[in-house]
Amino acid sequence: MGKYPDFLIIGEMKCGTTALYKYVTGHPQIEPATRKELAFFNSHFNKGIRWYRRQFPDVGKHLTGEASGYLKFPDVSRRVAKVIPNVKLIVILRNPVDRAYSHYHMHLEKKKISIPFEKAIKQFPVYLEQGKYEWKLRRWMKVFPANQFFIIQNEQLNKLPQKTMGSVFRFLGLRTYSVNVHKKYNTQNYTKIHPRTREVLIDYYKPYNKRLYRLLNKQFDWDQ
């Protein structure tokens, strides 16, 4: 039938979940699910647990897992806790200013939007709302104990991929493994955000980031 996943990657959209999942499943002691994003607990829960388990290989001592954007869905944490209470949760977070700009450019490339970024963030609040991580994480942390979470900063994954992945593998109880950091995943090429717009958004996110830092008891370099 397959097995239950040993880990879930639950970061927000445009935070680097694709690259992280590719790096994780590159480890010889980890086998991927039938696809990266199963969205079972938010979109396909009615298919049942047997369907979910069939999405994972029965790999004995090897680990397996998936990466879905579960973080933002209100009821998902409790559903996960009922089905896989001991699952390890890996959360990847990105500077919310860069996340919003990347989200906008994804829609621009798909022709879902055609207005400038500065107008888009006023007209469509979702671009900024999805970067307010603290309240979403707090909801999960009320359900799962702290030792089941591993928080990754996207910028650190990009800057120090081997060191960051070494920490991830230790969290999963695996030996260190050298990942292929030369292959890039889900990358976008676009002009830089206007400096003034960046300043405005850094100020906008400061109170939200402050609450996140307090929750995690760690500081990211997002406020500069």
N, C-alpha and C. Protein backbone atom coordinates (compact mmCIF):
# COMPACT_ATOMS: atom_id res chain seq x y z
N MET A 1 0.82 -1.21 0.00
CA MET A 1 0.00 0.00 0.00
C MET A 1 0.85 1.26 0.00
N GLY A 2 2.12 1.16 0.37
CA GLY A 2 2.89 2.37 0.60
C GLY A 2 2.92 2.69 2.07
N LYS A 3 3.58 3.74 2.43
CA LYS A 3 3.73 4.08 3.84
C LYS A 3 3.29 5.52 4.08
N TYR A 4 3.20 5.88 5.35
CA TYR A 4 2.95 7.27 5.68
C TYR A 4 4.23 8.07 5.49
N PRO A 5 4.13 9.35 5.12
CA PRO A 5 5.35 10.14 4.95
C PRO A 5 6.06 10.38 6.28
N ASP A 6 7.39 10.44 6.21
CA ASP A 6 8.20 10.73 7.39
C ASP A 6 8.35 12.23 7.60
N PHE A 7 8.20 12.99 6.53
CA PHE A 7 8.35 14.45 6.64
C PHE A 7 7.41 15.15 5.66
N LEU A 8 7.07 16.38 6.00
CA LEU A 8 6.34 17.27 5.12
C LEU A 8 7.11 18.58 5.02
N ILE A 9 7.23 19.10 3.82
CA ILE A 9 7.76 20.46 3.63
C ILE A 9 6.54 21.35 3.42
N ILE A 10 6.34 22.32 4.30
CA ILE A 10 5.06 23.05 4.31
C ILE A 10 5.22 24.56 4.10
N GLY A 11 6.31 24.99 3.46
CA GLY A 11 6.51 26.42 3.27
C GLY A 11 5.47 27.08 2.37
N GLU A 12 5.47 28.40 2.37
CA GLU A 12 4.54 29.19 1.57
C GLU A 12 5.00 29.22 0.11
N MET A 13 4.07 29.56 -0.78
CA MET A 13 4.36 29.68 -2.20
C MET A 13 5.50 30.66 -2.47
N LYS A 14 6.36 30.31 -3.41
CA LYS A 14 7.50 31.13 -3.86
C LYS A 14 8.54 31.33 -2.77
N CYS A 15 8.65 30.35 -1.88
CA CYS A 15 9.66 30.42 -0.82
C CYS A 15 10.83 29.47 -1.06
N GLY A 16 10.75 28.66 -2.10
CA GLY A 16 11.86 27.75 -2.40
C GLY A 16 11.57 26.30 -2.10
N THR A 17 10.30 25.92 -2.03
CA THR A 17 9.96 24.53 -1.69
C THR A 17 10.40 23.55 -2.78
N THR A 18 10.37 23.97 -4.03
CA THR A 18 10.77 23.07 -5.12
C THR A 18 12.24 22.70 -5.02
N ALA A 19 13.10 23.70 -4.86
CA ALA A 19 14.53 23.43 -4.73
C ALA A 19 14.81 22.58 -3.49
N LEU A 20 14.18 22.94 -2.37
CA LEU A 20 14.41 22.19 -1.14
C LEU A 20 13.99 20.73 -1.30
N TYR A 21 12.84 20.49 -1.91
CA TYR A 21 12.36 19.12 -2.09
C TYR A 21 13.30 18.32 -3.00
N LYS A 22 13.80 18.97 -4.05
CA LYS A 22 14.74 18.29 -4.95
C LYS A 22 16.03 17.93 -4.21
N TYR A 23 16.52 18.86 -3.40
CA TYR A 23 17.73 18.59 -2.63
C TYR A 23 17.49 17.45 -1.63
N VAL A 24 16.37 17.51 -0.93
CA VAL A 24 16.07 16.50 0.09
C VAL A 24 15.96 15.11 -0.55
N THR A 25 15.19 15.02 -1.62
CA THR A 25 14.95 13.71 -2.24
C THR A 25 16.14 13.22 -3.06
N GLY A 26 17.18 14.06 -3.16
CA GLY A 26 18.41 13.62 -3.79
C GLY A 26 19.25 12.73 -2.87
N HIS A 27 18.90 12.73 -1.59
CA HIS A 27 19.64 11.91 -0.63
C HIS A 27 19.36 10.44 -0.91
N PRO A 28 20.39 9.58 -0.90
CA PRO A 28 20.18 8.16 -1.24
C PRO A 28 19.30 7.39 -0.26
N GLN A 29 19.05 7.95 0.92
CA GLN A 29 18.18 7.28 1.89
C GLN A 29 16.76 7.85 1.90
N ILE A 30 16.45 8.65 0.89
CA ILE A 30 15.10 9.25 0.79
C ILE A 30 14.52 8.94 -0.59
N GLU A 31 13.27 8.52 -0.60
CA GLU A 31 12.55 8.26 -1.85
C GLU A 31 11.41 9.27 -1.97
N PRO A 32 11.21 9.86 -3.15
CA PRO A 32 10.14 10.84 -3.32
C PRO A 32 8.76 10.22 -3.40
N ALA A 33 7.75 11.04 -3.21
CA ALA A 33 6.37 10.62 -3.43
C ALA A 33 6.11 10.55 -4.94
N THR A 34 4.92 10.14 -5.32
CA THR A 34 4.59 10.07 -6.75
C THR A 34 4.71 11.43 -7.42
N ARG A 35 4.49 12.48 -6.66
CA ARG A 35 4.78 13.84 -7.13
C ARG A 35 5.07 14.72 -5.92
N LYS A 36 5.72 15.81 -6.15
CA LYS A 36 6.16 16.68 -5.06
C LYS A 36 4.98 17.19 -4.22
N GLU A 37 3.99 17.74 -4.88
CA GLU A 37 2.90 18.43 -4.17
C GLU A 37 1.61 17.62 -4.29
N LEU A 38 1.27 16.90 -3.23
CA LEU A 38 0.08 16.06 -3.25
C LEU A 38 -1.17 16.82 -2.83
N ALA A 39 -1.00 17.87 -2.02
CA ALA A 39 -2.13 18.70 -1.57
C ALA A 39 -3.26 17.87 -0.96
N PHE A 40 -2.89 16.77 -0.35
CA PHE A 40 -3.90 15.86 0.20
C PHE A 40 -4.73 16.49 1.32
N PHE A 41 -4.06 17.10 2.28
CA PHE A 41 -4.75 17.57 3.47
C PHE A 41 -5.60 18.82 3.25
N ASN A 42 -5.41 19.50 2.12
CA ASN A 42 -6.24 20.66 1.84
C ASN A 42 -7.20 20.45 0.67
N SER A 43 -6.81 19.67 -0.33
CA SER A 43 -7.66 19.54 -1.53
C SER A 43 -8.18 18.14 -1.82
N HIS A 44 -7.48 17.10 -1.33
CA HIS A 44 -7.86 15.73 -1.70
C HIS A 44 -8.13 14.83 -0.50
N PHE A 45 -8.47 15.44 0.63
CA PHE A 45 -8.68 14.65 1.84
C PHE A 45 -9.82 13.65 1.69
N ASN A 46 -10.77 13.99 0.83
CA ASN A 46 -11.92 13.09 0.60
C ASN A 46 -11.53 11.80 -0.13
N LYS A 47 -10.32 11.75 -0.68
CA LYS A 47 -9.87 10.53 -1.35
C LYS A 47 -9.47 9.45 -0.35
N GLY A 48 -9.26 9.85 0.89
CA GLY A 48 -9.01 8.88 1.94
C GLY A 48 -7.54 8.58 2.18
N ILE A 49 -7.28 8.02 3.35
CA ILE A 49 -5.92 7.73 3.78
C ILE A 49 -5.25 6.67 2.90
N ARG A 50 -6.02 5.68 2.46
CA ARG A 50 -5.43 4.63 1.62
C ARG A 50 -4.87 5.24 0.33
N TRP A 51 -5.61 6.18 -0.27
CA TRP A 51 -5.12 6.86 -1.48
C TRP A 51 -3.83 7.59 -1.17
N TYR A 52 -3.80 8.28 -0.03
CA TYR A 52 -2.61 9.06 0.34
C TYR A 52 -1.40 8.15 0.51
N ARG A 53 -1.57 7.06 1.21
CA ARG A 53 -0.45 6.15 1.43
C ARG A 53 0.07 5.55 0.13
N ARG A 54 -0.81 5.37 -0.83
CA ARG A 54 -0.37 4.81 -2.12
C ARG A 54 0.53 5.77 -2.89
N GLN A 55 0.58 7.03 -2.48
CA GLN A 55 1.43 8.01 -3.16
C GLN A 55 2.89 7.93 -2.70
N PHE A 56 3.15 7.08 -1.70
CA PHE A 56 4.50 6.95 -1.17
C PHE A 56 5.00 5.52 -1.35
N PRO A 57 6.26 5.36 -1.69
CA PRO A 57 6.80 4.01 -1.87
C PRO A 57 6.98 3.31 -0.53
N ASP A 58 6.83 2.01 -0.54
CA ASP A 58 7.07 1.21 0.66
C ASP A 58 8.56 0.89 0.67
N VAL A 59 9.33 1.76 1.31
CA VAL A 59 10.79 1.74 1.13
C VAL A 59 11.56 1.25 2.35
N GLY A 60 10.91 0.57 3.25
CA GLY A 60 11.61 0.01 4.40
C GLY A 60 12.25 1.07 5.26
N LYS A 61 13.58 1.01 5.39
CA LYS A 61 14.29 1.95 6.26
C LYS A 61 14.49 3.31 5.62
N HIS A 62 14.24 3.42 4.33
CA HIS A 62 14.37 4.72 3.67
C HIS A 62 13.21 5.63 4.09
N LEU A 63 13.45 6.94 3.97
CA LEU A 63 12.42 7.91 4.31
C LEU A 63 11.72 8.39 3.04
N THR A 64 10.54 8.96 3.23
CA THR A 64 9.81 9.55 2.11
C THR A 64 8.98 10.71 2.63
N GLY A 65 8.58 11.58 1.72
CA GLY A 65 7.78 12.74 2.13
C GLY A 65 7.32 13.54 0.92
N GLU A 66 6.62 14.60 1.19
CA GLU A 66 6.10 15.45 0.12
C GLU A 66 6.25 16.92 0.50
N ALA A 67 5.99 17.81 -0.44
CA ALA A 67 6.09 19.26 -0.22
C ALA A 67 4.84 19.94 -0.77
N SER A 68 3.93 20.32 0.11
CA SER A 68 2.70 21.01 -0.29
C SER A 68 2.56 22.30 0.51
N GLY A 69 1.85 23.25 -0.05
CA GLY A 69 1.67 24.55 0.62
C GLY A 69 0.64 24.52 1.73
N TYR A 70 0.83 23.61 2.69
CA TYR A 70 -0.16 23.41 3.75
C TYR A 70 -0.18 24.54 4.78
N LEU A 71 0.88 25.31 4.85
CA LEU A 71 1.03 26.27 5.95
C LEU A 71 -0.16 27.20 6.10
N LYS A 72 -0.76 27.63 5.00
CA LYS A 72 -1.77 28.68 5.05
C LYS A 72 -3.19 28.19 5.31
N PHE A 73 -3.42 26.87 5.32
CA PHE A 73 -4.78 26.37 5.43
C PHE A 73 -5.16 26.13 6.90
N PRO A 74 -6.26 26.72 7.37
CA PRO A 74 -6.60 26.71 8.79
C PRO A 74 -6.77 25.33 9.42
N ASP A 75 -7.38 24.39 8.71
CA ASP A 75 -7.70 23.09 9.33
C ASP A 75 -6.65 22.02 9.09
N VAL A 76 -5.66 22.32 8.28
CA VAL A 76 -4.72 21.28 7.86
C VAL A 76 -3.86 20.76 9.00
N SER A 77 -3.40 21.62 9.88
CA SER A 77 -2.50 21.17 10.95
C SER A 77 -3.15 20.09 11.80
N ARG A 78 -4.44 20.25 12.11
CA ARG A 78 -5.13 19.25 12.94
C ARG A 78 -5.38 17.96 12.15
N ARG A 79 -5.64 18.09 10.87
CA ARG A 79 -5.80 16.89 10.05
C ARG A 79 -4.50 16.09 10.00
N VAL A 80 -3.40 16.81 9.80
CA VAL A 80 -2.09 16.15 9.75
C VAL A 80 -1.81 15.45 11.08
N ALA A 81 -2.11 16.14 12.18
CA ALA A 81 -1.84 15.59 13.51
C ALA A 81 -2.61 14.30 13.76
N LYS A 82 -3.80 14.20 13.21
CA LYS A 82 -4.60 12.98 13.39
C LYS A 82 -4.07 11.82 12.57
N VAL A 83 -3.57 12.11 11.38
CA VAL A 83 -3.14 11.06 10.46
C VAL A 83 -1.68 10.66 10.69
N ILE A 84 -0.79 11.65 10.84
CA ILE A 84 0.64 11.37 11.01
C ILE A 84 1.19 12.25 12.16
N PRO A 85 0.83 11.93 13.39
CA PRO A 85 1.18 12.79 14.53
C PRO A 85 2.67 12.97 14.76
N ASN A 86 3.50 12.02 14.32
CA ASN A 86 4.93 12.10 14.56
C ASN A 86 5.73 12.61 13.35
N VAL A 87 5.03 13.11 12.36
CA VAL A 87 5.71 13.56 11.14
C VAL A 87 6.64 14.74 11.45
N LYS A 88 7.76 14.81 10.73
CA LYS A 88 8.67 15.93 10.88
C LYS A 88 8.28 17.02 9.88
N LEU A 89 8.28 18.26 10.36
CA LEU A 89 7.78 19.38 9.57
C LEU A 89 8.92 20.33 9.24
N ILE A 90 9.18 20.46 7.94
CA ILE A 90 10.23 21.36 7.48
C ILE A 90 9.55 22.58 6.86
N VAL A 91 9.89 23.75 7.38
CA VAL A 91 9.26 24.99 6.91
C VAL A 91 10.34 25.87 6.30
N ILE A 92 10.15 26.25 5.05
CA ILE A 92 11.09 27.18 4.41
C ILE A 92 10.40 28.53 4.22
N LEU A 93 11.07 29.59 4.68
CA LEU A 93 10.52 30.94 4.64
C LEU A 93 11.47 31.85 3.87
N ARG A 94 10.89 32.83 3.20
CA ARG A 94 11.68 33.74 2.38
C ARG A 94 11.33 35.18 2.75
N ASN A 95 12.29 36.07 2.58
CA ASN A 95 12.01 37.49 2.79
C ASN A 95 10.67 37.82 2.12
N PRO A 96 9.69 38.29 2.89
CA PRO A 96 8.34 38.48 2.32
C PRO A 96 8.28 39.49 1.19
N VAL A 97 9.23 40.42 1.15
CA VAL A 97 9.27 41.38 0.03
C VAL A 97 9.63 40.65 -1.26
N ASP A 98 10.66 39.83 -1.20
CA ASP A 98 11.08 39.06 -2.38
C ASP A 98 10.04 38.01 -2.76
N ARG A 99 9.40 37.44 -1.75
CA ARG A 99 8.36 36.45 -2.02
C ARG A 99 7.21 37.08 -2.80
N ALA A 100 6.78 38.26 -2.37
CA ALA A 100 5.67 38.96 -3.03
C ALA A 100 6.03 39.33 -4.48
N TYR A 101 7.26 39.81 -4.67
CA TYR A 101 7.70 40.21 -6.00
C TYR A 101 7.80 39.00 -6.93
N SER A 102 8.28 37.88 -6.41
CA SER A 102 8.36 36.65 -7.20
C SER A 102 6.96 36.13 -7.55
N HIS A 103 6.05 36.19 -6.59
CA HIS A 103 4.66 35.77 -6.79
C HIS A 103 4.03 36.60 -7.92
N TYR A 104 4.24 37.92 -7.87
CA TYR A 104 3.72 38.83 -8.89
C TYR A 104 4.28 38.46 -10.26
N HIS A 105 5.60 38.22 -10.34
CA HIS A 105 6.21 37.93 -11.63
C HIS A 105 5.76 36.57 -12.18
N MET A 106 5.46 35.63 -11.31
CA MET A 106 4.91 34.36 -11.77
C MET A 106 3.58 34.60 -12.49
N HIS A 107 2.73 35.44 -11.90
CA HIS A 107 1.44 35.77 -12.52
C HIS A 107 1.63 36.59 -13.79
N LEU A 108 2.64 37.45 -13.79
CA LEU A 108 2.93 38.26 -14.97
C LEU A 108 3.33 37.37 -16.14
N GLU A 109 4.18 36.38 -15.88
CA GLU A 109 4.63 35.46 -16.92
C GLU A 109 3.49 34.60 -17.45
N LYS A 110 2.56 34.26 -16.56
CA LYS A 110 1.41 33.44 -16.96
C LYS A 110 0.28 34.29 -17.53
N LYS A 111 0.52 35.60 -17.62
CA LYS A 111 -0.44 36.55 -18.18
C LYS A 111 -1.75 36.60 -17.36
N LYS A 112 -1.62 36.35 -16.08
CA LYS A 112 -2.77 36.49 -15.18
C LYS A 112 -2.94 37.93 -14.72
N ILE A 113 -1.91 38.72 -14.96
CA ILE A 113 -1.91 40.11 -14.53
C ILE A 113 -1.03 40.89 -15.50
N SER A 114 -1.31 42.19 -15.65
CA SER A 114 -0.52 42.98 -16.59
C SER A 114 -0.21 44.38 -16.07
N ILE A 115 -0.55 44.63 -14.81
CA ILE A 115 -0.33 45.96 -14.23
C ILE A 115 0.99 45.98 -13.46
N PRO A 116 1.56 47.17 -13.22
CA PRO A 116 2.82 47.26 -12.47
C PRO A 116 2.68 46.69 -11.05
N PHE A 117 3.81 46.26 -10.51
CA PHE A 117 3.84 45.65 -9.18
C PHE A 117 3.22 46.56 -8.12
N GLU A 118 3.56 47.83 -8.18
CA GLU A 118 3.07 48.77 -7.17
C GLU A 118 1.54 48.86 -7.17
N LYS A 119 0.93 48.74 -8.35
CA LYS A 119 -0.54 48.74 -8.42
C LYS A 119 -1.09 47.38 -8.01
N ALA A 120 -0.39 46.33 -8.38
CA ALA A 120 -0.86 44.97 -8.09
C ALA A 120 -0.99 44.72 -6.59
N ILE A 121 -0.02 45.18 -5.80
CA ILE A 121 -0.07 44.91 -4.36
C ILE A 121 -1.16 45.71 -3.67
N LYS A 122 -1.62 46.78 -4.31
CA LYS A 122 -2.74 47.54 -3.75
C LYS A 122 -4.07 46.91 -4.17
N GLN A 123 -4.10 46.42 -5.38
CA GLN A 123 -5.35 45.86 -5.92
C GLN A 123 -5.60 44.43 -5.47
N PHE A 124 -4.52 43.68 -5.25
CA PHE A 124 -4.64 42.27 -4.88
C PHE A 124 -3.87 42.01 -3.58
N PRO A 125 -4.52 42.07 -2.44
CA PRO A 125 -3.86 41.94 -1.13
C PRO A 125 -3.12 40.62 -0.94
N VAL A 126 -3.47 39.58 -1.70
CA VAL A 126 -2.86 38.27 -1.51
C VAL A 126 -1.34 38.32 -1.65
N TYR A 127 -0.82 39.20 -2.50
CA TYR A 127 0.62 39.27 -2.70
C TYR A 127 1.36 39.59 -1.40
N LEU A 128 0.77 40.45 -0.60
CA LEU A 128 1.41 40.82 0.67
C LEU A 128 0.97 39.92 1.81
N GLU A 129 -0.26 39.48 1.80
CA GLU A 129 -0.79 38.67 2.90
C GLU A 129 -0.03 37.35 3.05
N GLN A 130 0.38 36.76 1.96
CA GLN A 130 1.04 35.46 2.03
C GLN A 130 2.42 35.52 2.65
N GLY A 131 2.94 36.72 2.83
CA GLY A 131 4.24 36.88 3.47
C GLY A 131 4.16 37.14 4.96
N LYS A 132 2.95 37.08 5.52
CA LYS A 132 2.78 37.25 6.97
C LYS A 132 2.77 35.86 7.60
N TYR A 133 3.96 35.37 7.92
CA TYR A 133 4.13 33.97 8.28
C TYR A 133 3.76 33.65 9.73
N GLU A 134 3.91 34.60 10.62
CA GLU A 134 3.86 34.31 12.06
C GLU A 134 2.56 33.65 12.50
N TRP A 135 1.43 34.19 12.10
CA TRP A 135 0.15 33.66 12.59
C TRP A 135 -0.13 32.27 12.02
N LYS A 136 0.38 31.99 10.81
CA LYS A 136 0.19 30.66 10.22
C LYS A 136 1.04 29.63 10.97
N LEU A 137 2.29 29.99 11.24
CA LEU A 137 3.17 29.09 11.97
C LEU A 137 2.68 28.86 13.40
N ARG A 138 2.19 29.91 14.02
CA ARG A 138 1.70 29.79 15.40
C ARG A 138 0.56 28.77 15.47
N ARG A 139 -0.27 28.76 14.46
CA ARG A 139 -1.39 27.81 14.40
C ARG A 139 -0.87 26.37 14.38
N TRP A 140 0.18 26.12 13.63
CA TRP A 140 0.79 24.79 13.58
C TRP A 140 1.49 24.44 14.89
N MET A 141 2.11 25.44 15.50
CA MET A 141 2.88 25.20 16.72
C MET A 141 2.00 24.99 17.95
N LYS A 142 0.72 25.28 17.81
CA LYS A 142 -0.23 24.94 18.87
C LYS A 142 -0.62 23.46 18.81
N VAL A 143 -0.35 22.84 17.68
CA VAL A 143 -0.75 21.45 17.46
C VAL A 143 0.43 20.49 17.59
N PHE A 144 1.60 20.91 17.09
CA PHE A 144 2.78 20.04 17.11
C PHE A 144 3.85 20.60 18.06
N PRO A 145 4.62 19.73 18.71
CA PRO A 145 5.70 20.19 19.59
C PRO A 145 6.85 20.79 18.78
N ALA A 146 7.62 21.63 19.45
CA ALA A 146 8.70 22.37 18.78
C ALA A 146 9.73 21.45 18.14
N ASN A 147 9.98 20.28 18.75
CA ASN A 147 11.04 19.41 18.23
C ASN A 147 10.68 18.73 16.91
N GLN A 148 9.44 18.91 16.46
CA GLN A 148 9.05 18.34 15.16
C GLN A 148 9.17 19.34 14.02
N PHE A 149 9.63 20.56 14.33
CA PHE A 149 9.79 21.60 13.32
C PHE A 149 11.26 21.85 13.01
N PHE A 150 11.52 22.12 11.74
CA PHE A 150 12.83 22.62 11.34
C PHE A 150 12.58 23.80 10.41
N ILE A 151 13.03 24.98 10.80
CA ILE A 151 12.77 26.20 10.04
C ILE A 151 14.00 26.56 9.21
N ILE A 152 13.80 26.77 7.93
CA ILE A 152 14.89 27.14 7.02
C ILE A 152 14.63 28.52 6.45
N GLN A 153 15.67 29.32 6.38
CA GLN A 153 15.60 30.61 5.71
C GLN A 153 16.02 30.41 4.25
N ASN A 154 15.18 30.77 3.33
CA ASN A 154 15.46 30.60 1.90
C ASN A 154 16.80 31.19 1.50
N GLU A 155 17.10 32.35 2.05
CA GLU A 155 18.35 33.03 1.69
C GLU A 155 19.57 32.21 2.13
N GLN A 156 19.46 31.52 3.26
CA GLN A 156 20.56 30.69 3.72
C GLN A 156 20.71 29.44 2.84
N LEU A 157 19.59 28.90 2.39
CA LEU A 157 19.65 27.75 1.49
C LEU A 157 20.36 28.13 0.20
N ASN A 158 20.09 29.34 -0.30
CA ASN A 158 20.73 29.80 -1.53
C ASN A 158 22.21 30.12 -1.32
N LYS A 159 22.52 30.70 -0.17
CA LYS A 159 23.89 31.14 0.11
C LYS A 159 24.80 29.99 0.55
N LEU A 160 24.27 29.13 1.40
CA LEU A 160 25.06 28.03 1.95
C LEU A 160 24.28 26.72 1.81
N PRO A 161 24.09 26.25 0.59
CA PRO A 161 23.22 25.08 0.38
C PRO A 161 23.72 23.80 1.05
N GLN A 162 25.02 23.54 0.98
CA GLN A 162 25.53 22.29 1.56
C GLN A 162 25.38 22.31 3.08
N LYS A 163 25.74 23.41 3.70
CA LYS A 163 25.64 23.53 5.16
C LYS A 163 24.18 23.43 5.60
N THR A 164 23.30 24.13 4.88
CA THR A 164 21.88 24.12 5.23
C THR A 164 21.29 22.73 5.08
N MET A 165 21.62 22.05 3.98
CA MET A 165 21.08 20.71 3.76
C MET A 165 21.67 19.71 4.75
N GLY A 166 22.90 19.95 5.17
CA GLY A 166 23.47 19.09 6.21
C GLY A 166 22.65 19.14 7.48
N SER A 167 22.18 20.35 7.82
CA SER A 167 21.33 20.52 9.00
C SER A 167 19.98 19.83 8.81
N VAL A 168 19.44 19.91 7.60
CA VAL A 168 18.16 19.26 7.30
C VAL A 168 18.30 17.74 7.44
N PHE A 169 19.36 17.19 6.89
CA PHE A 169 19.55 15.74 6.96
C PHE A 169 19.76 15.27 8.41
N ARG A 170 20.46 16.07 9.21
CA ARG A 170 20.61 15.71 10.62
C ARG A 170 19.27 15.73 11.33
N PHE A 171 18.44 16.71 11.01
CA PHE A 171 17.09 16.79 11.58
C PHE A 171 16.28 15.54 11.24
N LEU A 172 16.48 15.02 10.04
CA LEU A 172 15.77 13.82 9.60
C LEU A 172 16.44 12.54 10.08
N GLY A 173 17.55 12.68 10.79
CA GLY A 173 18.23 11.50 11.33
C GLY A 173 19.08 10.76 10.31
N LEU A 174 19.53 11.48 9.27
CA LEU A 174 20.30 10.87 8.19
C LEU A 174 21.73 11.36 8.18
N ARG A 175 22.59 10.61 7.53
CA ARG A 175 23.98 11.02 7.39
C ARG A 175 24.07 12.20 6.41
N THR A 176 25.13 12.95 6.54
CA THR A 176 25.36 14.08 5.64
C THR A 176 25.57 13.58 4.21
N TYR A 177 25.07 14.34 3.27
CA TYR A 177 25.18 13.95 1.85
C TYR A 177 25.39 15.22 1.04
N SER A 178 26.28 15.17 0.07
CA SER A 178 26.57 16.33 -0.77
C SER A 178 25.54 16.43 -1.89
N VAL A 179 24.73 17.48 -1.84
CA VAL A 179 23.66 17.64 -2.83
C VAL A 179 24.20 18.35 -4.08
N ASN A 180 23.50 18.18 -5.18
CA ASN A 180 23.87 18.84 -6.43
C ASN A 180 23.35 20.27 -6.41
N VAL A 181 24.19 21.20 -5.97
CA VAL A 181 23.75 22.59 -5.83
C VAL A 181 23.92 23.37 -7.13
N HIS A 182 24.46 22.73 -8.16
CA HIS A 182 24.70 23.44 -9.43
C HIS A 182 23.45 23.48 -10.30
N LYS A 183 22.52 22.58 -10.03
CA LYS A 183 21.27 22.58 -10.78
C LYS A 183 20.26 23.47 -10.08
N LYS A 184 19.71 24.42 -10.80
CA LYS A 184 18.76 25.36 -10.22
C LYS A 184 17.33 24.95 -10.56
N TYR A 185 16.42 25.20 -9.62
CA TYR A 185 15.03 24.78 -9.78
C TYR A 185 14.08 25.96 -9.67
N ASN A 186 13.13 26.02 -10.59
CA ASN A 186 12.04 26.99 -10.52
C ASN A 186 12.56 28.42 -10.39
N THR A 187 13.61 28.74 -11.16
CA THR A 187 14.20 30.07 -11.08
C THR A 187 13.46 31.04 -12.01
N GLN A 188 13.50 32.32 -11.65
CA GLN A 188 12.89 33.36 -12.46
C GLN A 188 13.93 34.45 -12.71
N ASN A 189 13.89 35.02 -13.91
CA ASN A 189 14.77 36.14 -14.23
C ASN A 189 13.92 37.36 -14.53
N TYR A 190 14.07 38.39 -13.72
CA TYR A 190 13.31 39.61 -13.94
C TYR A 190 14.07 40.79 -13.33
N THR A 191 13.65 41.99 -13.69
CA THR A 191 14.31 43.19 -13.18
C THR A 191 14.13 43.30 -11.67
N LYS A 192 15.06 43.96 -11.03
CA LYS A 192 14.98 44.12 -9.58
C LYS A 192 13.83 45.05 -9.21
N ILE A 193 13.31 44.82 -8.02
CA ILE A 193 12.26 45.69 -7.50
C ILE A 193 12.81 47.10 -7.33
N HIS A 194 11.96 48.10 -7.56
CA HIS A 194 12.41 49.49 -7.42
C HIS A 194 12.85 49.73 -5.97
N PRO A 195 14.00 50.38 -5.77
CA PRO A 195 14.52 50.57 -4.40
C PRO A 195 13.53 51.24 -3.45
N ARG A 196 12.79 52.22 -3.95
CA ARG A 196 11.82 52.90 -3.07
C ARG A 196 10.69 51.95 -2.69
N THR A 197 10.22 51.16 -3.64
CA THR A 197 9.17 50.18 -3.35
C THR A 197 9.66 49.18 -2.31
N ARG A 198 10.92 48.78 -2.46
CA ARG A 198 11.50 47.83 -1.50
C ARG A 198 11.53 48.43 -0.09
N GLU A 199 11.93 49.68 0.01
CA GLU A 199 11.98 50.35 1.31
C GLU A 199 10.61 50.41 1.96
N VAL A 200 9.61 50.74 1.16
CA VAL A 200 8.24 50.83 1.67
C VAL A 200 7.78 49.47 2.19
N LEU A 201 8.06 48.43 1.44
CA LEU A 201 7.60 47.09 1.84
C LEU A 201 8.40 46.54 3.03
N ILE A 202 9.67 46.87 3.10
CA ILE A 202 10.45 46.47 4.29
C ILE A 202 9.84 47.07 5.54
N ASP A 203 9.46 48.34 5.47
CA ASP A 203 8.81 48.99 6.61
C ASP A 203 7.45 48.36 6.89
N TYR A 204 6.73 48.03 5.84
CA TYR A 204 5.40 47.42 6.00
C TYR A 204 5.48 46.09 6.76
N TYR A 205 6.49 45.30 6.44
CA TYR A 205 6.60 43.96 7.02
C TYR A 205 7.28 43.93 8.39
N LYS A 206 7.90 45.02 8.81
CA LYS A 206 8.68 45.01 10.05
C LYS A 206 7.90 44.49 11.25
N PRO A 207 6.68 44.97 11.51
CA PRO A 207 5.96 44.44 12.68
C PRO A 207 5.60 42.97 12.56
N TYR A 208 5.30 42.51 11.36
CA TYR A 208 4.97 41.10 11.14
C TYR A 208 6.21 40.23 11.33
N ASN A 209 7.34 40.71 10.80
CA ASN A 209 8.59 39.96 10.96
C ASN A 209 9.02 39.91 12.42
N LYS A 210 8.80 41.01 13.12
CA LYS A 210 9.17 41.05 14.54
C LYS A 210 8.44 39.98 15.33
N ARG A 211 7.16 39.81 15.03
CA ARG A 211 6.38 38.78 15.72
C ARG A 211 6.88 37.38 15.35
N LEU A 212 7.29 37.22 14.09
CA LEU A 212 7.84 35.93 13.65
C LEU A 212 9.14 35.63 14.39
N TYR A 213 10.02 36.61 14.49
CA TYR A 213 11.30 36.40 15.17
C TYR A 213 11.08 36.02 16.64
N ARG A 214 10.11 36.66 17.24
CA ARG A 214 9.81 36.36 18.64
C ARG A 214 9.29 34.94 18.79
N LEU A 215 8.44 34.52 17.85
CA LEU A 215 7.88 33.17 17.89
C LEU A 215 8.99 32.12 17.73
N LEU A 216 9.90 32.36 16.81
CA LEU A 216 10.95 31.38 16.50
C LEU A 216 12.18 31.54 17.38
N ASN A 217 12.24 32.64 18.09
CA ASN A 217 13.42 32.96 18.90
C ASN A 217 14.68 33.00 18.04
N LYS A 218 14.53 33.55 16.86
CA LYS A 218 15.67 33.75 15.96
C LYS A 218 15.39 34.94 15.06
N GLN A 219 16.45 35.55 14.57
CA GLN A 219 16.34 36.76 13.77
C GLN A 219 16.81 36.48 12.36
N PHE A 220 16.04 36.93 11.36
CA PHE A 220 16.46 36.87 9.97
C PHE A 220 16.90 38.27 9.54
N ASP A 221 17.65 38.34 8.44
CA ASP A 221 18.13 39.64 7.97
C ASP A 221 17.21 40.23 6.90
N TRP A 222 15.94 40.30 7.23
CA TRP A 222 14.95 40.77 6.27
C TRP A 222 14.63 42.25 6.40
N ASP A 223 15.08 42.88 7.45
CA ASP A 223 14.66 44.27 7.74
C ASP A 223 15.72 45.29 7.35
N GLN A 224 16.43 44.99 6.28
CA GLN A 224 17.46 45.92 5.82
C GLN A 224 17.54 45.93 4.31
